[in-house]
Amino acid sequence: MGDLDRGGALATEALSPTVQQILSHLCADPCHTYGAVVEWCEARGDCCYAVSCPGCSRQFLVDEDELAELQRWTDDEGHALVCGVRAD
């Protein structure tokens, strides 16, 4: 097992199942990329979020907590592994 495999597996163990699924998709071949976050908000402030893979167009719906978890993981681990979500 290479360092990337070992580091990626250890770094996602404490994450929610949805976040693990997203990172497993974004950080593995053939896509291996950063996902784009799409946000829809109603006038009253309720928002929905999706992570879109630019490689295959797969989308994952996430809630605010999962989005925050993905952003924290990307800040902590994603830059070294060149995957995660964009903070745009």
C-alpha atoms as a PDB file:
ATOM      1  CA  MET A   1       0.000   0.000   0.000  1.00  0.00           C
ATOM      2  CA  GLY A   2       1.436   3.400  -0.972  1.00  0.00           C
ATOM      3  CA  ASP A   3       1.605   6.535   1.163  1.00  0.00           C
ATOM      4  CA  LEU A   4      -1.335   8.035  -0.707  1.00  0.00           C
ATOM      5  CA  ASP A   5      -3.528   5.021   0.045  1.00  0.00           C
ATOM      6  CA  ARG A   6      -2.476   4.879   3.676  1.00  0.00           C
ATOM      7  CA  GLY A   7      -2.821   8.650   4.208  1.00  0.00           C
ATOM      8  CA  GLY A   8      -6.195   8.844   2.465  1.00  0.00           C
ATOM      9  CA  ALA A   9      -7.620   5.900   4.400  1.00  0.00           C
ATOM     10  CA  LEU A  10      -6.470   7.232   7.765  1.00  0.00           C
ATOM     11  CA  ALA A  11      -7.630  10.751   7.014  1.00  0.00           C
ATOM     12  CA  THR A  12     -11.242   9.744   6.247  1.00  0.00           C
ATOM     13  CA  GLU A  13     -11.959   7.220   9.019  1.00  0.00           C
ATOM     14  CA  ALA A  14     -13.604   9.755  11.359  1.00  0.00           C
ATOM     15  CA  LEU A  15     -15.747  11.366   8.641  1.00  0.00           C
ATOM     16  CA  SER A  16     -19.449  10.831   7.990  1.00  0.00           C
ATOM     17  CA  PRO A  17     -20.404   8.147   5.449  1.00  0.00           C
ATOM     18  CA  THR A  18     -21.577  10.735   2.898  1.00  0.00           C
ATOM     19  CA  VAL A  19     -18.309  12.668   3.127  1.00  0.00           C
ATOM     20  CA  GLN A  20     -16.312   9.430   2.868  1.00  0.00           C
ATOM     21  CA  GLN A  21     -18.243   8.509  -0.297  1.00  0.00           C
ATOM     22  CA  ILE A  22     -17.584  11.910  -1.874  1.00  0.00           C
ATOM     23  CA  LEU A  23     -13.887  11.857  -1.031  1.00  0.00           C
ATOM     24  CA  SER A  24     -13.559   8.282  -2.209  1.00  0.00           C
ATOM     25  CA  HIS A  25     -14.944   9.388  -5.578  1.00  0.00           C
ATOM     26  CA  LEU A  26     -12.996  12.650  -5.886  1.00  0.00           C
ATOM     27  CA  CYS A  27      -9.662  11.304  -4.654  1.00  0.00           C
ATOM     28  CA  ALA A  28      -9.554   8.148  -6.780  1.00  0.00           C
ATOM     29  CA  ASP A  29      -8.916   7.455 -10.445  1.00  0.00           C
ATOM     30  CA  PRO A  30     -10.244   8.063 -12.995  1.00  0.00           C
ATOM     31  CA  CYS A  31     -11.618  11.412 -11.741  1.00  0.00           C
ATOM     32  CA  HIS A  32      -9.032  12.427  -9.070  1.00  0.00           C
ATOM     33  CA  THR A  33      -9.945  16.103  -8.827  1.00  0.00           C
ATOM     34  CA  TYR A  34     -11.475  18.896  -6.798  1.00  0.00           C
ATOM     35  CA  GLY A  35     -15.270  18.976  -6.773  1.00  0.00           C
ATOM     36  CA  ALA A  36     -17.202  22.191  -7.286  1.00  0.00           C
ATOM     37  CA  VAL A  37     -19.732  23.223  -4.647  1.00  0.00           C
ATOM     38  CA  VAL A  38     -23.095  24.432  -5.931  1.00  0.00           C
ATOM     39  CA  GLU A  39     -25.357  26.318  -3.526  1.00  0.00           C
ATOM     40  CA  TRP A  40     -29.079  27.066  -3.865  1.00  0.00           C
ATOM     41  CA  CYS A  41     -30.661  29.414  -1.316  1.00  0.00           C
ATOM     42  CA  GLU A  42     -34.236  30.510  -0.773  1.00  0.00           C
ATOM     43  CA  ALA A  43     -35.133  34.069   0.189  1.00  0.00           C
ATOM     44  CA  ARG A  44     -35.662  33.009   3.813  1.00  0.00           C
ATOM     45  CA  GLY A  45     -32.070  31.772   4.003  1.00  0.00           C
ATOM     46  CA  ASP A  46     -32.573  28.007   3.659  1.00  0.00           C
ATOM     47  CA  CYS A  47     -29.817  26.600   1.483  1.00  0.00           C
ATOM     48  CA  CYS A  48     -29.076  23.302  -0.264  1.00  0.00           C
ATOM     49  CA  TYR A  49     -25.622  22.220  -1.389  1.00  0.00           C
ATOM     50  CA  ALA A  50     -24.263  19.803  -3.968  1.00  0.00           C
ATOM     51  CA  VAL A  51     -20.746  18.721  -4.813  1.00  0.00           C
ATOM     52  CA  SER A  52     -20.231  18.211  -8.530  1.00  0.00           C
ATOM     53  CA  CYS A  53     -17.374  16.190  -9.997  1.00  0.00           C
ATOM     54  CA  PRO A  54     -16.018  17.978 -13.082  1.00  0.00           C
ATOM     55  CA  GLY A  55     -14.563  14.741 -14.463  1.00  0.00           C
ATOM     56  CA  CYS A  56     -17.780  12.730 -14.770  1.00  0.00           C
ATOM     57  CA  SER A  57     -20.526  15.194 -13.713  1.00  0.00           C
ATOM     58  CA  ARG A  58     -21.605  13.031 -10.772  1.00  0.00           C
ATOM     59  CA  GLN A  59     -23.328  15.076  -8.069  1.00  0.00           C
ATOM     60  CA  PHE A  60     -23.663  14.523  -4.332  1.00  0.00           C
ATOM     61  CA  LEU A  61     -26.186  16.351  -2.138  1.00  0.00           C
ATOM     62  CA  VAL A  62     -24.775  17.464   1.221  1.00  0.00           C
ATOM     63  CA  ASP A  63     -26.084  19.378   4.207  1.00  0.00           C
ATOM     64  CA  GLU A  64     -24.289  22.298   5.887  1.00  0.00           C
ATOM     65  CA  ASP A  65     -22.477  20.064   8.376  1.00  0.00           C
ATOM     66  CA  GLU A  66     -21.238  17.714   5.647  1.00  0.00           C
ATOM     67  CA  LEU A  67     -20.092  20.666   3.538  1.00  0.00           C
ATOM     68  CA  ALA A  68     -18.169  22.072   6.499  1.00  0.00           C
ATOM     69  CA  GLU A  69     -16.647  18.626   7.079  1.00  0.00           C
ATOM     70  CA  LEU A  70     -15.574  18.418   3.405  1.00  0.00           C
ATOM     71  CA  GLN A  71     -14.046  21.892   3.551  1.00  0.00           C
ATOM     72  CA  ARG A  72     -12.135  21.091   6.761  1.00  0.00           C
ATOM     73  CA  TRP A  73     -10.829  17.835   5.268  1.00  0.00           C
ATOM     74  CA  THR A  74      -9.737  19.658   2.104  1.00  0.00           C
ATOM     75  CA  ASP A  75      -7.905  22.290   4.153  1.00  0.00           C
ATOM     76  CA  ASP A  76      -6.197  19.621   6.280  1.00  0.00           C
ATOM     77  CA  GLU A  77      -5.539  16.799   3.778  1.00  0.00           C
ATOM     78  CA  GLY A  78      -6.797  17.667   0.308  1.00  0.00           C
ATOM     79  CA  HIS A  79      -3.976  19.924  -0.798  1.00  0.00           C
ATOM     80  CA  ALA A  80      -1.418  17.167  -0.241  1.00  0.00           C
ATOM     81  CA  LEU A  81      -3.598  14.609  -2.061  1.00  0.00           C
ATOM     82  CA  VAL A  82      -4.770  17.100  -4.735  1.00  0.00           C
ATOM     83  CA  CYS A  83      -8.468  16.406  -4.229  1.00  0.00           C
ATOM     84  CA  GLY A  84     -11.427  17.553  -2.160  1.00  0.00           C
ATOM     85  CA  VAL A  85     -13.747  20.521  -2.698  1.00  0.00           C
ATOM     86  CA  ARG A  86     -12.971  23.974  -3.958  1.00  0.00           C
ATOM     87  CA  ALA A  87     -13.412  26.784  -1.464  1.00  0.00           C
ATOM     88  CA  ASP A  88     -14.584  29.283  -4.118  1.00  0.00           C
END
